[in-house]
């Protein structure tokens, strides 16, 4: 895929997508390689660092923003941003450790009006780490 950053507003240090593996009209697969020196590892269980669940969710949400922006023909500079409007049924099944490669998959289930209903799954070494259902809307930025 061309530069995926063109389709999302997020940047380092709050970027949780390293690479887009595959994208179709209704699905996106991305990857995030966690690094031992990521700031959140230093304070989240010092001595036994694990990635916070909300940041694993954020990797899913950022992946969905690429999918939704690409579907809508929106770029990160056209004034529309993807916002999460609902999060449901989050299930954390395993931890993500420093050095783990997260494989993220997001599926578009349905679009009703401006709301896109989606599901996400994160795996590490083929084992499910997290599942989540959520809703995204592309909204116009206001100052």
C-alpha atoms as a PDB file:
ATOM      1  CA  UNK A   1       0.000   0.000   0.000  1.00  0.00           C
ATOM      2  CA  UNK A   2       1.138   3.527  -0.680  1.00  0.00           C
ATOM      3  CA  UNK A   3       2.066   5.596   2.376  1.00  0.00           C
ATOM      4  CA  UNK A   4      -0.541   4.613   4.952  1.00  0.00           C
ATOM      5  CA  UNK A   5       0.283   7.709   7.015  1.00  0.00           C
ATOM      6  CA  UNK A   6      -1.577   9.706   4.354  1.00  0.00           C
ATOM      7  CA  UNK A   7      -4.776   8.058   5.635  1.00  0.00           C
ATOM      8  CA  UNK A   8      -4.414   8.624   9.373  1.00  0.00           C
ATOM      9  CA  UNK A   9      -3.784  11.558  11.701  1.00  0.00           C
ATOM     10  CA  UNK A  10      -1.548   9.654  14.164  1.00  0.00           C
ATOM     11  CA  UNK A  11       2.207  10.119  14.359  1.00  0.00           C
ATOM     12  CA  UNK A  12       5.074   9.051  16.621  1.00  0.00           C
ATOM     13  CA  UNK A  13       5.253   8.708  19.538  1.00  0.00           C
ATOM     14  CA  UNK A  14       1.564   7.699  19.430  1.00  0.00           C
ATOM     15  CA  UNK A  15       1.688   5.519  16.312  1.00  0.00           C
ATOM     16  CA  UNK A  16       0.800   1.837  16.702  1.00  0.00           C
ATOM     17  CA  UNK A  17       0.895   0.723  13.063  1.00  0.00           C
ATOM     18  CA  UNK A  18       4.234  -0.052  11.411  1.00  0.00           C
ATOM     19  CA  UNK A  19       3.064  -1.695   8.221  1.00  0.00           C
ATOM     20  CA  UNK A  20      -0.067  -2.411   6.219  1.00  0.00           C
ATOM     21  CA  UNK A  21       0.024  -6.045   5.142  1.00  0.00           C
ATOM     22  CA  UNK A  22      -3.243  -6.161   3.200  1.00  0.00           C
ATOM     23  CA  UNK A  23      -6.242  -3.937   2.589  1.00  0.00           C
ATOM     24  CA  UNK A  24      -9.532  -4.622   0.837  1.00  0.00           C
ATOM     25  CA  UNK A  25     -12.783  -2.680   0.809  1.00  0.00           C
ATOM     26  CA  UNK A  26     -13.948  -4.323   4.057  1.00  0.00           C
ATOM     27  CA  UNK A  27     -10.793  -5.534   5.823  1.00  0.00           C
ATOM     28  CA  UNK A  28      -7.317  -4.384   6.754  1.00  0.00           C
ATOM     29  CA  UNK A  29      -4.371  -6.296   8.183  1.00  0.00           C
ATOM     30  CA  UNK A  30      -1.508  -4.415   9.792  1.00  0.00           C
ATOM     31  CA  UNK A  31       1.493  -5.093  11.980  1.00  0.00           C
ATOM     32  CA  UNK A  32       3.113  -3.421  14.958  1.00  0.00           C
ATOM     33  CA  UNK A  33       6.516  -4.604  16.144  1.00  0.00           C
ATOM     34  CA  UNK A  34       6.840  -3.709  19.804  1.00  0.00           C
ATOM     35  CA  UNK A  35      10.232  -2.491  20.962  1.00  0.00           C
ATOM     36  CA  UNK A  36      11.705  -2.921  24.424  1.00  0.00           C
ATOM     37  CA  UNK A  37      12.436   0.813  24.667  1.00  0.00           C
ATOM     38  CA  UNK A  38       8.821   1.938  24.108  1.00  0.00           C
ATOM     39  CA  UNK A  39       8.001   4.455  26.874  1.00  0.00           C
ATOM     40  CA  UNK A  40       4.937   2.605  28.166  1.00  0.00           C
ATOM     41  CA  UNK A  41       6.980  -0.526  28.926  1.00  0.00           C
ATOM     42  CA  UNK A  42       9.148   1.417  31.410  1.00  0.00           C
ATOM     43  CA  UNK A  43       6.247   2.174  33.729  1.00  0.00           C
ATOM     44  CA  UNK A  44       3.696  -0.569  33.065  1.00  0.00           C
ATOM     45  CA  UNK A  45       4.758  -3.285  35.495  1.00  0.00           C
ATOM     46  CA  UNK A  46       8.472  -2.380  35.848  1.00  0.00           C
ATOM     47  CA  UNK A  47      10.593  -5.510  35.789  1.00  0.00           C
ATOM     48  CA  UNK A  48       7.766  -7.458  34.062  1.00  0.00           C
ATOM     49  CA  UNK A  49       6.678  -5.072  31.277  1.00  0.00           C
ATOM     50  CA  UNK A  50       3.508  -5.714  29.319  1.00  0.00           C
ATOM     51  CA  UNK A  51       1.757  -3.532  26.761  1.00  0.00           C
ATOM     52  CA  UNK A  52      -1.331  -1.817  28.219  1.00  0.00           C
ATOM     53  CA  UNK A  53      -4.583  -3.235  26.848  1.00  0.00           C
ATOM     54  CA  UNK A  54      -5.813   0.211  25.852  1.00  0.00           C
ATOM     55  CA  UNK A  55      -2.767   0.594  23.587  1.00  0.00           C
ATOM     56  CA  UNK A  56      -3.438  -2.782  21.986  1.00  0.00           C
ATOM     57  CA  UNK A  57      -6.964  -1.480  21.324  1.00  0.00           C
ATOM     58  CA  UNK A  58      -5.428   1.696  19.924  1.00  0.00           C
ATOM     59  CA  UNK A  59      -3.492  -0.364  17.347  1.00  0.00           C
ATOM     60  CA  UNK A  60      -6.847  -1.779  16.202  1.00  0.00           C
ATOM     61  CA  UNK A  61      -8.452   1.677  16.110  1.00  0.00           C
ATOM     62  CA  UNK A  62      -5.555   3.184  14.156  1.00  0.00           C
ATOM     63  CA  UNK A  63      -5.760   0.350  11.649  1.00  0.00           C
ATOM     64  CA  UNK A  64      -9.476   1.024  11.259  1.00  0.00           C
ATOM     65  CA  UNK A  65      -8.756   4.694  10.607  1.00  0.00           C
ATOM     66  CA  UNK A  66      -6.619   3.729   7.614  1.00  0.00           C
ATOM     67  CA  UNK A  67      -9.375   1.482   6.272  1.00  0.00           C
ATOM     68  CA  UNK A  68     -12.152   4.044   6.736  1.00  0.00           C
ATOM     69  CA  UNK A  69     -10.161   6.959   5.345  1.00  0.00           C
ATOM     70  CA  UNK A  70      -9.092   4.930   2.316  1.00  0.00           C
ATOM     71  CA  UNK A  71     -12.711   3.820   1.680  1.00  0.00           C
ATOM     72  CA  UNK A  72     -13.913   7.422   1.885  1.00  0.00           C
ATOM     73  CA  UNK A  73     -11.071   8.808  -0.225  1.00  0.00           C
ATOM     74  CA  UNK A  74     -10.044  10.967   2.733  1.00  0.00           C
ATOM     75  CA  UNK A  75      -6.472  11.926   3.477  1.00  0.00           C
ATOM     76  CA  UNK A  76      -5.020  13.079   6.765  1.00  0.00           C
ATOM     77  CA  UNK A  77      -5.061  16.680   5.537  1.00  0.00           C
ATOM     78  CA  UNK A  78      -8.614  16.956   4.147  1.00  0.00           C
ATOM     79  CA  UNK A  79     -10.139  18.041   7.463  1.00  0.00           C
ATOM     80  CA  UNK A  80     -11.879  14.752   8.319  1.00  0.00           C
ATOM     81  CA  UNK A  81     -10.643  12.533  11.111  1.00  0.00           C
ATOM     82  CA  UNK A  82     -11.798   9.067  12.184  1.00  0.00           C
ATOM     83  CA  UNK A  83     -13.183   9.001  15.717  1.00  0.00           C
ATOM     84  CA  UNK A  84     -14.193   6.028  17.814  1.00  0.00           C
ATOM     85  CA  UNK A  85     -17.754   6.518  19.048  1.00  0.00           C
ATOM     86  CA  UNK A  86     -18.382   3.175  20.742  1.00  0.00           C
ATOM     87  CA  UNK A  87     -16.288   0.335  22.178  1.00  0.00           C
ATOM     88  CA  UNK A  88     -17.858  -2.975  23.206  1.00  0.00           C
ATOM     89  CA  UNK A  89     -16.975  -6.541  24.096  1.00  0.00           C
ATOM     90  CA  UNK A  90     -13.255  -6.042  24.638  1.00  0.00           C
ATOM     91  CA  UNK A  91     -11.642  -9.344  25.521  1.00  0.00           C
ATOM     92  CA  UNK A  92      -7.991  -9.527  26.531  1.00  0.00           C
ATOM     93  CA  UNK A  93      -6.773 -13.104  26.295  1.00  0.00           C
ATOM     94  CA  UNK A  94      -2.972 -12.802  26.449  1.00  0.00           C
ATOM     95  CA  UNK A  95      -0.293 -10.204  27.102  1.00  0.00           C
ATOM     96  CA  UNK A  96       1.900  -8.408  24.583  1.00  0.00           C
ATOM     97  CA  UNK A  97       5.546  -8.320  25.627  1.00  0.00           C
ATOM     98  CA  UNK A  98       8.505  -6.242  24.444  1.00  0.00           C
ATOM     99  CA  UNK A  99       9.647  -7.572  21.071  1.00  0.00           C
ATOM    100  CA  UNK A 100       6.294  -9.152  20.139  1.00  0.00           C
ATOM    101  CA  UNK A 101       4.961  -8.683  16.619  1.00  0.00           C
ATOM    102  CA  UNK A 102       1.276  -7.790  16.797  1.00  0.00           C
ATOM    103  CA  UNK A 103      -0.805  -8.876  13.816  1.00  0.00           C
ATOM    104  CA  UNK A 104      -3.911  -6.709  13.655  1.00  0.00           C
ATOM    105  CA  UNK A 105      -7.012  -7.477  11.606  1.00  0.00           C
ATOM    106  CA  UNK A 106     -10.013  -5.158  11.349  1.00  0.00           C
ATOM    107  CA  UNK A 107     -13.242  -6.043   9.555  1.00  0.00           C
ATOM    108  CA  UNK A 108     -16.021  -3.705   8.518  1.00  0.00           C
ATOM    109  CA  UNK A 109     -19.297  -5.352   9.501  1.00  0.00           C
ATOM    110  CA  UNK A 110     -21.856  -2.720   8.528  1.00  0.00           C
ATOM    111  CA  UNK A 111     -22.286   0.959   7.679  1.00  0.00           C
ATOM    112  CA  UNK A 112     -25.395   2.759   8.915  1.00  0.00           C
ATOM    113  CA  UNK A 113     -25.469   6.442   8.032  1.00  0.00           C
ATOM    114  CA  UNK A 114     -22.109   7.858   9.054  1.00  0.00           C
ATOM    115  CA  UNK A 115     -21.356   5.067  11.536  1.00  0.00           C
ATOM    116  CA  UNK A 116     -19.130   2.148  10.584  1.00  0.00           C
ATOM    117  CA  UNK A 117     -19.539  -0.914  12.796  1.00  0.00           C
ATOM    118  CA  UNK A 118     -16.312  -2.885  13.005  1.00  0.00           C
ATOM    119  CA  UNK A 119     -14.573  -5.747  14.757  1.00  0.00           C
ATOM    120  CA  UNK A 120     -10.898  -6.155  15.502  1.00  0.00           C
ATOM    121  CA  UNK A 121      -8.558  -8.941  16.466  1.00  0.00           C
ATOM    122  CA  UNK A 122      -4.911  -8.897  17.495  1.00  0.00           C
ATOM    123  CA  UNK A 123      -2.696 -11.969  17.391  1.00  0.00           C
ATOM    124  CA  UNK A 124       0.879 -12.668  18.447  1.00  0.00           C
ATOM    125  CA  UNK A 125       2.503 -15.800  17.017  1.00  0.00           C
ATOM    126  CA  UNK A 126      -0.899 -16.969  15.794  1.00  0.00           C
ATOM    127  CA  UNK A 127      -2.549 -16.735  19.221  1.00  0.00           C
ATOM    128  CA  UNK A 128      -5.369 -14.289  19.869  1.00  0.00           C
ATOM    129  CA  UNK A 129      -4.411 -11.505  22.254  1.00  0.00           C
ATOM    130  CA  UNK A 130      -7.451  -9.241  21.985  1.00  0.00           C
ATOM    131  CA  UNK A 131     -10.860  -9.008  20.341  1.00  0.00           C
ATOM    132  CA  UNK A 132     -13.028  -5.881  20.253  1.00  0.00           C
ATOM    133  CA  UNK A 133     -16.144  -4.497  18.585  1.00  0.00           C
ATOM    134  CA  UNK A 134     -16.379  -0.772  17.944  1.00  0.00           C
ATOM    135  CA  UNK A 135     -17.909   2.022  15.901  1.00  0.00           C
ATOM    136  CA  UNK A 136     -16.034   4.646  13.879  1.00  0.00           C
ATOM    137  CA  UNK A 137     -17.208   7.877  12.266  1.00  0.00           C
ATOM    138  CA  UNK A 138     -15.312  10.216   9.940  1.00  0.00           C
ATOM    139  CA  UNK A 139     -15.958  13.703  11.275  1.00  0.00           C
ATOM    140  CA  UNK A 140     -14.873  17.144  10.205  1.00  0.00           C
ATOM    141  CA  UNK A 141     -12.278  18.718  12.460  1.00  0.00           C
ATOM    142  CA  UNK A 142     -13.355  21.870  14.233  1.00  0.00           C
ATOM    143  CA  UNK A 143     -11.031  24.468  15.665  1.00  0.00           C
END
